[in-house]
Each structure stands twice: as C-alpha cells, then as structure tokens.
C-alpha cells in the first residue's frame, strides 16, 4: 500500500514550534507541545508509562485543544482547567 502524503502547503496549519513536526507527523521525543493520549496532559511531564499512543497525538497543525476551545467559546486555559482535555485529547479505550 503506498504511503499517504500531505500537500506541502496546508494553508492555516503550522509546524510544531517545539519539535518541527509538520501537520500529520508524529512529534519528536521530548516535544513540549505533544499531549498524552492516555491522560490529555502534557506528554513531557505525564506519568502514563506505556499507555501513550504517539500516533493518536499526531501534530495537527494547531495547538492541542485550540479548535475545541474556540468551538466551546472558552479560552485555552479554561479548556484545560475545566478538564475538557480529558475528553477531547484522550484516545478512547476499546
């Protein structure tokens, strides 16, 4: 099966400011932007050993939770304080 490639220029989407991942790419180890797919918190400082799925937390070109916060009409700090990150940024268990 051929590897899917993204267009070189995706208007409105940015590379990760910390690790340089392009939209659709997995963050580099130690990236301070990547979110943990198990708890929704910052991957760099979480304690979810072996539960994190880096593919689920792929860089999407916008700050994690920003689109959801905008949709809910809360700022990004409120998004995390309320706990929405535990819903929107966590990989469902199957």
PDB file of N, CA and C in Angstrom:
ATOM      1  N   UNK A   1       0.847  -1.170   0.000  1.00  0.00           N
ATOM      2  CA  UNK A   1       0.000   0.000   0.000  1.00  0.00           C
ATOM      3  C   UNK A   1       0.896   1.238   0.000  1.00  0.00           C
ATOM      4  N   UNK A   2       0.665   2.191  -0.888  1.00  0.00           N
ATOM      5  CA  UNK A   2       1.507   3.387  -0.938  1.00  0.00           C
ATOM      6  C   UNK A   2       1.289   4.276   0.283  1.00  0.00           C
ATOM      7  N   UNK A   3       2.363   4.918   0.701  1.00  0.00           N
ATOM      8  CA  UNK A   3       2.312   5.831   1.842  1.00  0.00           C
ATOM      9  C   UNK A   3       1.543   7.091   1.445  1.00  0.00           C
ATOM     10  N   UNK A   4       0.637   7.538   2.335  1.00  0.00           N
ATOM     11  CA  UNK A   4      -0.117   8.756   2.079  1.00  0.00           C
ATOM     12  C   UNK A   4       0.788   9.965   2.300  1.00  0.00           C
ATOM     13  N   UNK A   5       0.706  10.909   1.419  1.00  0.00           N
ATOM     14  CA  UNK A   5       1.489  12.125   1.583  1.00  0.00           C
ATOM     15  C   UNK A   5       0.558  13.313   1.653  1.00  0.00           C
ATOM     16  N   UNK A   6       0.920  14.277   2.462  1.00  0.00           N
ATOM     17  CA  UNK A   6       0.143  15.501   2.599  1.00  0.00           C
ATOM     18  C   UNK A   6       0.674  16.543   1.631  1.00  0.00           C
ATOM     19  N   UNK A   7      -0.183  17.462   1.209  1.00  0.00           N
ATOM     20  CA  UNK A   7       0.315  18.557   0.374  1.00  0.00           C
ATOM     21  C   UNK A   7       1.405  19.317   1.114  1.00  0.00           C
ATOM     22  N   UNK A   8       2.348  19.891   0.387  1.00  0.00           N
ATOM     23  CA  UNK A   8       3.451  20.619   1.013  1.00  0.00           C
ATOM     24  C   UNK A   8       2.967  21.874   1.734  1.00  0.00           C
ATOM     25  N   UNK A   9       1.922  22.525   1.218  1.00  0.00           N
ATOM     26  CA  UNK A   9       1.430  23.746   1.823  1.00  0.00           C
ATOM     27  C   UNK A   9      -0.016  23.555   2.254  1.00  0.00           C
ATOM     28  N   UNK A  10      -0.252  23.531   3.549  1.00  0.00           N
ATOM     29  CA  UNK A  10      -1.597  23.407   4.083  1.00  0.00           C
ATOM     30  C   UNK A  10      -1.963  24.754   4.713  1.00  0.00           C
ATOM     31  N   UNK A  11      -2.684  25.605   3.990  1.00  0.00           N
ATOM     32  CA  UNK A  11      -2.989  26.949   4.487  1.00  0.00           C
ATOM     33  C   UNK A  11      -3.637  26.921   5.879  1.00  0.00           C
ATOM     34  N   UNK A  12      -3.149  27.773   6.757  1.00  0.00           N
ATOM     35  CA  UNK A  12      -3.698  27.889   8.109  1.00  0.00           C
ATOM     36  C   UNK A  12      -3.099  26.938   9.122  1.00  0.00           C
ATOM     37  N   UNK A  13      -2.355  25.940   8.673  1.00  0.00           N
ATOM     38  CA  UNK A  13      -1.740  24.990   9.593  1.00  0.00           C
ATOM     39  C   UNK A  13      -0.251  25.280   9.687  1.00  0.00           C
ATOM     40  N   UNK A  14       0.291  25.089  10.873  1.00  0.00           N
ATOM     41  CA  UNK A  14       1.691  25.419  11.120  1.00  0.00           C
ATOM     42  C   UNK A  14       2.471  24.181  11.538  1.00  0.00           C
ATOM     43  N   UNK A  15       3.786  24.265  11.448  1.00  0.00           N
ATOM     44  CA  UNK A  15       4.619  23.201  12.004  1.00  0.00           C
ATOM     45  C   UNK A  15       4.670  23.397  13.517  1.00  0.00           C
ATOM     46  N   UNK A  16       4.949  22.328  14.237  1.00  0.00           N
ATOM     47  CA  UNK A  16       5.057  22.398  15.696  1.00  0.00           C
ATOM     48  C   UNK A  16       6.228  23.311  16.060  1.00  0.00           C
ATOM     49  N   UNK A  17       5.977  24.276  16.907  1.00  0.00           N
ATOM     50  CA  UNK A  17       7.038  25.249  17.228  1.00  0.00           C
ATOM     51  C   UNK A  17       8.174  24.637  18.040  1.00  0.00           C
ATOM     52  N   UNK A  18       7.923  23.496  18.682  1.00  0.00           N
ATOM     53  CA  UNK A  18       8.980  22.915  19.510  1.00  0.00           C
ATOM     54  C   UNK A  18       9.818  21.878  18.755  1.00  0.00           C
ATOM     55  N   UNK A  19       9.155  20.922  18.123  1.00  0.00           N
ATOM     56  CA  UNK A  19       9.918  19.825  17.504  1.00  0.00           C
ATOM     57  C   UNK A  19       9.966  19.898  15.983  1.00  0.00           C
ATOM     58  N   UNK A  20       9.199  20.807  15.395  1.00  0.00           N
ATOM     59  CA  UNK A  20       9.235  20.965  13.949  1.00  0.00           C
ATOM     60  C   UNK A  20       8.380  19.975  13.173  1.00  0.00           C
ATOM     61  N   UNK A  21       7.545  19.173  13.872  1.00  0.00           N
ATOM     62  CA  UNK A  21       6.666  18.237  13.162  1.00  0.00           C
ATOM     63  C   UNK A  21       5.722  19.015  12.258  1.00  0.00           C
ATOM     64  N   UNK A  22       5.521  18.505  11.062  1.00  0.00           N
ATOM     65  CA  UNK A  22       4.578  19.099  10.130  1.00  0.00           C
ATOM     66  C   UNK A  22       3.205  18.485  10.395  1.00  0.00           C
ATOM     67  N   UNK A  23       2.121  19.145   9.990  1.00  0.00           N
ATOM     68  CA  UNK A  23       0.789  18.565  10.190  1.00  0.00           C
ATOM     69  C   UNK A  23       0.727  17.132   9.658  1.00  0.00           C
ATOM     70  N   UNK A  24       0.229  16.230  10.490  1.00  0.00           N
ATOM     71  CA  UNK A  24       0.148  14.819  10.129  1.00  0.00           C
ATOM     72  C   UNK A  24       1.330  13.998  10.578  1.00  0.00           C
ATOM     73  N   UNK A  25       2.390  14.634  11.086  1.00  0.00           N
ATOM     74  CA  UNK A  25       3.566  13.910  11.555  1.00  0.00           C
ATOM     75  C   UNK A  25       3.522  13.700  13.061  1.00  0.00           C
ATOM     76  N   UNK A  26       4.259  12.695  13.504  1.00  0.00           N
ATOM     77  CA  UNK A  26       4.376  12.403  14.931  1.00  0.00           C
ATOM     78  C   UNK A  26       5.409  13.350  15.528  1.00  0.00           C
ATOM     79  N   UNK A  27       5.134  13.851  16.734  1.00  0.00           N
ATOM     80  CA  UNK A  27       6.081  14.723  17.433  1.00  0.00           C
ATOM     81  C   UNK A  27       7.390  13.984  17.706  1.00  0.00           C
ATOM     82  N   UNK A  28       8.472  14.733  17.788  1.00  0.00           N
ATOM     83  CA  UNK A  28       9.771  14.178  18.147  1.00  0.00           C
ATOM     84  C   UNK A  28       9.811  13.926  19.658  1.00  0.00           C
ATOM     85  N   UNK A  29      10.594  12.943  20.119  1.00  0.00           N
ATOM     86  CA  UNK A  29      10.713  12.696  21.564  1.00  0.00           C
ATOM     87  C   UNK A  29      11.137  13.962  22.308  1.00  0.00           C
ATOM     88  N   UNK A  30      10.503  14.220  23.441  1.00  0.00           N
ATOM     89  CA  UNK A  30      10.830  15.377  24.263  1.00  0.00           C
ATOM     90  C   UNK A  30      10.103  16.656  23.878  1.00  0.00           C
ATOM     91  N   UNK A  31       9.191  16.586  22.920  1.00  0.00           N
ATOM     92  CA  UNK A  31       8.461  17.783  22.483  1.00  0.00           C
ATOM     93  C   UNK A  31       7.550  18.262  23.613  1.00  0.00           C
ATOM     94  N   UNK A  32       7.587  19.574  23.898  1.00  0.00           N
ATOM     95  CA  UNK A  32       6.758  20.102  24.989  1.00  0.00           C
ATOM     96  C   UNK A  32       5.327  20.431  24.548  1.00  0.00           C
ATOM     97  N   UNK A  33       5.003  20.270  23.274  1.00  0.00           N
ATOM     98  CA  UNK A  33       3.653  20.542  22.779  1.00  0.00           C
ATOM     99  C   UNK A  33       2.810  19.268  22.762  1.00  0.00           C
ATOM    100  N   UNK A  34       3.433  18.127  22.537  1.00  0.00           N
ATOM    101  CA  UNK A  34       2.692  16.863  22.413  1.00  0.00           C
ATOM    102  C   UNK A  34       1.853  16.591  23.656  1.00  0.00           C
ATOM    103  N   UNK A  35       0.635  16.149  23.434  1.00  0.00           N
ATOM    104  CA  UNK A  35      -0.272  15.779  24.521  1.00  0.00           C
ATOM    105  C   UNK A  35      -0.276  14.273  24.688  1.00  0.00           C
ATOM    106  N   UNK A  36      -0.475  13.807  25.910  1.00  0.00           N
ATOM    107  CA  UNK A  36      -0.536  12.378  26.198  1.00  0.00           C
ATOM    108  C   UNK A  36      -1.904  11.848  25.776  1.00  0.00           C
ATOM    109  N   UNK A  37      -1.918  10.784  25.000  1.00  0.00           N
ATOM    110  CA  UNK A  37      -3.180  10.216  24.546  1.00  0.00           C
ATOM    111  C   UNK A  37      -3.888   9.434  25.647  1.00  0.00           C
ATOM    112  N   UNK A  38      -3.222   9.207  26.776  1.00  0.00           N
ATOM    113  CA  UNK A  38      -3.830   8.467  27.889  1.00  0.00           C
ATOM    114  C   UNK A  38      -4.496   9.394  28.909  1.00  0.00           C
ATOM    115  N   UNK A  39      -3.903  10.581  29.152  1.00  0.00           N
ATOM    116  CA  UNK A  39      -4.460  11.474  30.176  1.00  0.00           C
ATOM    117  C   UNK A  39      -4.836  12.852  29.634  1.00  0.00           C
ATOM    118  N   UNK A  40      -4.351  13.213  28.451  1.00  0.00           N
ATOM    119  CA  UNK A  40      -4.651  14.511  27.856  1.00  0.00           C
ATOM    120  C   UNK A  40      -3.733  15.629  28.306  1.00  0.00           C
ATOM    121  N   UNK A  41      -2.868  15.328  29.262  1.00  0.00           N
ATOM    122  CA  UNK A  41      -1.928  16.336  29.755  1.00  0.00           C
ATOM    123  C   UNK A  41      -0.697  16.448  28.862  1.00  0.00           C
ATOM    124  N   UNK A  42       0.227  17.272  29.267  1.00  0.00           N
ATOM    125  CA  UNK A  42       1.463  17.451  28.509  1.00  0.00           C
ATOM    126  C   UNK A  42       2.272  16.155  28.569  1.00  0.00           C
ATOM    127  N   UNK A  43       2.571  15.585  27.439  1.00  0.00           N
ATOM    128  CA  UNK A  43       3.270  14.297  27.371  1.00  0.00           C
ATOM    129  C   UNK A  43       4.621  14.332  28.071  1.00  0.00           C
ATOM    130  N   UNK A  44       5.317  15.434  27.948  1.00  0.00           N
ATOM    131  CA  UNK A  44       6.654  15.572  28.512  1.00  0.00           C
ATOM    132  C   UNK A  44       6.658  15.380  30.027  1.00  0.00           C
ATOM    133  N   UNK A  45       5.566  15.736  30.695  1.00  0.00           N
ATOM    134  CA  UNK A  45       5.547  15.670  32.161  1.00  0.00           C
ATOM    135  C   UNK A  45       4.517  14.694  32.723  1.00  0.00           C
ATOM    136  N   UNK A  46       3.890  13.873  31.885  1.00  0.00           N
ATOM    137  CA  UNK A  46       2.899  12.939  32.428  1.00  0.00           C
ATOM    138  C   UNK A  46       3.582  11.662  32.920  1.00  0.00           C
ATOM    139  N   UNK A  47       2.836  10.861  33.647  1.00  0.00           N
ATOM    140  CA  UNK A  47       3.380   9.625  34.219  1.00  0.00           C
ATOM    141  C   UNK A  47       2.688   8.385  33.661  1.00  0.00           C
ATOM    142  N   UNK A  48       2.109   8.476  32.493  1.00  0.00           N
ATOM    143  CA  UNK A  48       1.377   7.365  31.891  1.00  0.00           C
ATOM    144  C   UNK A  48       2.343   6.424  31.170  1.00  0.00           C
ATOM    145  N   UNK A  49       3.008   5.610  31.911  1.00  0.00           N
ATOM    146  CA  UNK A  49       4.011   4.691  31.365  1.00  0.00           C
ATOM    147  C   UNK A  49       3.362   3.623  30.491  1.00  0.00           C
ATOM    148  N   UNK A  50       3.785   3.546  29.255  1.00  0.00           N
ATOM    149  CA  UNK A  50       3.329   2.508  28.354  1.00  0.00           C
ATOM    150  C   UNK A  50       1.909   2.650  27.829  1.00  0.00           C
ATOM    151  N   UNK A  51       1.179   3.668  28.244  1.00  0.00           N
ATOM    152  CA  UNK A  51      -0.206   3.829  27.812  1.00  0.00           C
ATOM    153  C   UNK A  51      -0.331   4.802  26.650  1.00  0.00           C
ATOM    154  N   UNK A  52       0.664   5.636  26.431  1.00  0.00           N
ATOM    155  CA  UNK A  52       0.592   6.690  25.426  1.00  0.00           C
ATOM    156  C   UNK A  52       0.730   6.140  24.016  1.00  0.00           C
ATOM    157  N   UNK A  53      -0.119   6.632  23.115  1.00  0.00           N
ATOM    158  CA  UNK A  53      -0.054   6.255  21.704  1.00  0.00           C
ATOM    159  C   UNK A  53       0.362   7.486  20.903  1.00  0.00           C
ATOM    160  N   UNK A  54       1.629   7.583  20.497  1.00  0.00           N
ATOM    161  CA  UNK A  54       2.104   8.775  19.795  1.00  0.00           C
ATOM    162  C   UNK A  54       1.389   9.025  18.475  1.00  0.00           C
ATOM    163  N   UNK A  55       0.855   7.998  17.854  1.00  0.00           N
ATOM    164  CA  UNK A  55       0.141   8.189  16.596  1.00  0.00           C
ATOM    165  C   UNK A  55      -1.170   8.938  16.826  1.00  0.00           C
ATOM    166  N   UNK A  56      -1.829   8.656  17.944  1.00  0.00           N
ATOM    167  CA  UNK A  56      -3.083   9.351  18.251  1.00  0.00           C
ATOM    168  C   UNK A  56      -2.830  10.830  18.533  1.00  0.00           C
ATOM    169  N   UNK A  57      -1.666  11.146  19.077  1.00  0.00           N
ATOM    170  CA  UNK A  57      -1.325  12.527  19.439  1.00  0.00           C
ATOM    171  C   UNK A  57      -0.546  13.230  18.336  1.00  0.00           C
ATOM    172  N   UNK A  58      -0.717  12.800  17.100  1.00  0.00           N
ATOM    173  CA  UNK A  58      -0.013  13.381  15.966  1.00  0.00           C
ATOM    174  C   UNK A  58      -0.254  14.896  15.908  1.00  0.00           C
ATOM    175  N   UNK A  59       0.737  15.661  15.429  1.00  0.00           N
ATOM    176  CA  UNK A  59       0.598  17.113  15.297  1.00  0.00           C
ATOM    177  C   UNK A  59      -0.411  17.406  14.198  1.00  0.00           C
ATOM    178  N   UNK A  60      -1.409  18.227  14.525  1.00  0.00           N
ATOM    179  CA  UNK A  60      -2.481  18.531  13.579  1.00  0.00           C
ATOM    180  C   UNK A  60      -2.351  19.899  12.937  1.00  0.00           C
ATOM    181  N   UNK A  61      -1.338  20.652  13.325  1.00  0.00           N
ATOM    182  CA  UNK A  61      -1.131  21.954  12.708  1.00  0.00           C
ATOM    183  C   UNK A  61      -1.684  23.120  13.499  1.00  0.00           C
ATOM    184  N   UNK A  62      -2.394  22.823  14.573  1.00  0.00           N
ATOM    185  CA  UNK A  62      -2.887  23.857  15.503  1.00  0.00           C
ATOM    186  C   UNK A  62      -2.644  23.365  16.922  1.00  0.00           C
ATOM    187  N   UNK A  63      -2.590  24.306  17.854  1.00  0.00           N
ATOM    188  CA  UNK A  63      -2.307  23.957  19.246  1.00  0.00           C
ATOM    189  C   UNK A  63      -3.339  22.955  19.761  1.00  0.00           C
ATOM    190  N   UNK A  64      -2.918  21.917  20.502  1.00  0.00           N
ATOM    191  CA  UNK A  64      -3.851  20.911  21.004  1.00  0.00           C
ATOM    192  C   UNK A  64      -4.967  21.533  21.854  1.00  0.00           C
ATOM    193  N   UNK A  65      -6.193  21.314  21.456  1.00  0.00           N
ATOM    194  CA  UNK A  65      -7.356  21.822  22.173  1.00  0.00           C
ATOM    195  C   UNK A  65      -7.859  23.175  21.695  1.00  0.00           C
ATOM    196  N   UNK A  66      -7.090  23.861  20.858  1.00  0.00           N
ATOM    197  CA  UNK A  66      -7.465  25.209  20.423  1.00  0.00           C
ATOM    198  C   UNK A  66      -8.773  25.223  19.638  1.00  0.00           C
ATOM    199  N   UNK A  67      -8.929  24.347  18.680  1.00  0.00           N
ATOM    200  CA  UNK A  67     -10.160  24.319  17.883  1.00  0.00           C
ATOM    201  C   UNK A  67     -11.364  23.978  18.762  1.00  0.00           C
ATOM    202  N   UNK A  68     -11.184  23.030  19.668  1.00  0.00           N
ATOM    203  CA  UNK A  68     -12.273  22.639  20.561  1.00  0.00           C
ATOM    204  C   UNK A  68     -12.636  23.778  21.511  1.00  0.00           C
ATOM    205  N   UNK A  69     -11.625  24.460  22.046  1.00  0.00           N
ATOM    206  CA  UNK A  69     -11.869  25.594  22.944  1.00  0.00           C
ATOM    207  C   UNK A  69     -12.611  26.709  22.209  1.00  0.00           C
ATOM    208  N   UNK A  70     -12.196  26.999  20.990  1.00  0.00           N
ATOM    209  CA  UNK A  70     -12.885  28.024  20.204  1.00  0.00           C
ATOM    210  C   UNK A  70     -14.344  27.641  19.983  1.00  0.00           C
ATOM    211  N   UNK A  71     -14.584  26.387  19.661  1.00  0.00           N
ATOM    212  CA  UNK A  71     -15.941  25.915  19.428  1.00  0.00           C
ATOM    213  C   UNK A  71     -16.804  26.047  20.690  1.00  0.00           C
ATOM    214  N   UNK A  72     -16.188  25.791  21.847  1.00  0.00           N
ATOM    215  CA  UNK A  72     -16.911  25.866  23.123  1.00  0.00           C
ATOM    216  C   UNK A  72     -16.960  27.279  23.705  1.00  0.00           C
ATOM    217  N   UNK A  73     -16.330  28.228  23.013  1.00  0.00           N
ATOM    218  CA  UNK A  73     -16.294  29.630  23.448  1.00  0.00           C
ATOM    219  C   UNK A  73     -15.634  29.801  24.813  1.00  0.00           C
ATOM    220  N   UNK A  74     -14.533  29.078  25.015  1.00  0.00           N
ATOM    221  CA  UNK A  74     -13.706  29.247  26.209  1.00  0.00           C
ATOM    222  C   UNK A  74     -12.280  29.464  25.735  1.00  0.00           C
ATOM    223  N   UNK A  75     -11.461  30.124  26.567  1.00  0.00           N
ATOM    224  CA  UNK A  75     -10.067  30.264  26.150  1.00  0.00           C
ATOM    225  C   UNK A  75      -9.327  28.962  26.467  1.00  0.00           C
ATOM    226  N   UNK A  76      -8.142  28.839  25.942  1.00  0.00           N
ATOM    227  CA  UNK A  76      -7.393  27.591  26.061  1.00  0.00           C
ATOM    228  C   UNK A  76      -7.079  27.242  27.513  1.00  0.00           C
ATOM    229  N   UNK A  77      -6.789  28.244  28.340  1.00  0.00           N
ATOM    230  CA  UNK A  77      -6.544  27.970  29.760  1.00  0.00           C
ATOM    231  C   UNK A  77      -7.786  27.386  30.420  1.00  0.00           C
ATOM    232  N   UNK A  78      -8.956  27.951  30.128  1.00  0.00           N
ATOM    233  CA  UNK A  78     -10.205  27.420  30.686  1.00  0.00           C
ATOM    234  C   UNK A  78     -10.457  25.995  30.193  1.00  0.00           C
ATOM    235  N   UNK A  79     -10.139  25.747  28.931  1.00  0.00           N
ATOM    236  CA  UNK A  79     -10.316  24.417  28.349  1.00  0.00           C
ATOM    237  C   UNK A  79      -9.622  23.364  29.217  1.00  0.00           C
ATOM    238  N   UNK A  80      -8.385  23.653  29.615  1.00  0.00           N
ATOM    239  CA  UNK A  80      -7.637  22.707  30.439  1.00  0.00           C
ATOM    240  C   UNK A  80      -8.102  22.730  31.900  1.00  0.00           C
ATOM    241  N   UNK A  81      -8.433  23.901  32.440  1.00  0.00           N
ATOM    242  CA  UNK A  81      -8.890  23.994  33.827  1.00  0.00           C
ATOM    243  C   UNK A  81     -10.202  23.241  34.040  1.00  0.00           C
ATOM    244  N   UNK A  82     -11.123  23.370  33.092  1.00  0.00           N
ATOM    245  CA  UNK A  82     -12.417  22.688  33.193  1.00  0.00           C
ATOM    246  C   UNK A  82     -12.247  21.178  33.062  1.00  0.00           C
ATOM    247  N   UNK A  83     -11.241  20.746  32.329  1.00  0.00           N
ATOM    248  CA  UNK A  83     -10.980  19.324  32.137  1.00  0.00           C
ATOM    249  C   UNK A  83     -11.420  18.790  30.787  1.00  0.00           C
ATOM    250  N   UNK A  84     -11.751  19.686  29.861  1.00  0.00           N
ATOM    251  CA  UNK A  84     -12.145  19.244  28.523  1.00  0.00           C
ATOM    252  C   UNK A  84     -11.056  18.431  27.837  1.00  0.00           C
ATOM    253  N   UNK A  85      -9.796  18.689  28.169  1.00  0.00           N
ATOM    254  CA  UNK A  85      -8.697  17.940  27.540  1.00  0.00           C
ATOM    255  C   UNK A  85      -8.805  16.447  27.806  1.00  0.00           C
ATOM    256  N   UNK A  86      -9.426  16.080  28.928  1.00  0.00           N
ATOM    257  CA  UNK A  86      -9.575  14.666  29.270  1.00  0.00           C
ATOM    258  C   UNK A  86     -10.617  13.978  28.386  1.00  0.00           C
ATOM    259  N   UNK A  87     -11.422  14.782  27.695  1.00  0.00           N
ATOM    260  CA  UNK A  87     -12.420  14.239  26.778  1.00  0.00           C
ATOM    261  C   UNK A  87     -11.908  14.286  25.343  1.00  0.00           C
ATOM    262  N   UNK A  88     -11.425  15.456  24.921  1.00  0.00           N
ATOM    263  CA  UNK A  88     -11.088  15.665  23.528  1.00  0.00           C
ATOM    264  C   UNK A  88      -9.701  15.172  23.113  1.00  0.00           C
ATOM    265  N   UNK A  89      -8.760  15.077  24.033  1.00  0.00           N
ATOM    266  CA  UNK A  89      -7.389  14.745  23.655  1.00  0.00           C
ATOM    267  C   UNK A  89      -6.961  13.334  24.079  1.00  0.00           C
ATOM    268  N   UNK A  90      -7.873  12.577  24.687  1.00  0.00           N
ATOM    269  CA  UNK A  90      -7.559  11.238  25.173  1.00  0.00           C
ATOM    270  C   UNK A  90      -8.090  10.193  24.193  1.00  0.00           C
ATOM    271  N   UNK A  91      -7.258   9.224  23.873  1.00  0.00           N
ATOM    272  CA  UNK A  91      -7.653   8.151  22.966  1.00  0.00           C
ATOM    273  C   UNK A  91      -8.662   7.241  23.689  1.00  0.00           C
ATOM    274  N   UNK A  92      -9.807   6.996  23.070  1.00  0.00           N
ATOM    275  CA  UNK A  92     -10.796   6.118  23.719  1.00  0.00           C
ATOM    276  C   UNK A  92     -10.239   4.707  23.895  1.00  0.00           C
ATOM    277  N   UNK A  93     -10.609   4.094  24.993  1.00  0.00           N
ATOM    278  CA  UNK A  93     -10.203   2.715  25.241  1.00  0.00           C
ATOM    279  C   UNK A  93     -11.218   1.799  24.563  1.00  0.00           C
ATOM    280  N   UNK A  94     -10.705   0.808  23.850  1.00  0.00           N
ATOM    281  CA  UNK A  94     -11.601  -0.134  23.157  1.00  0.00           C
ATOM    282  C   UNK A  94     -11.402  -1.536  23.654  1.00  0.00           C
TER     283      UNK A  94
END
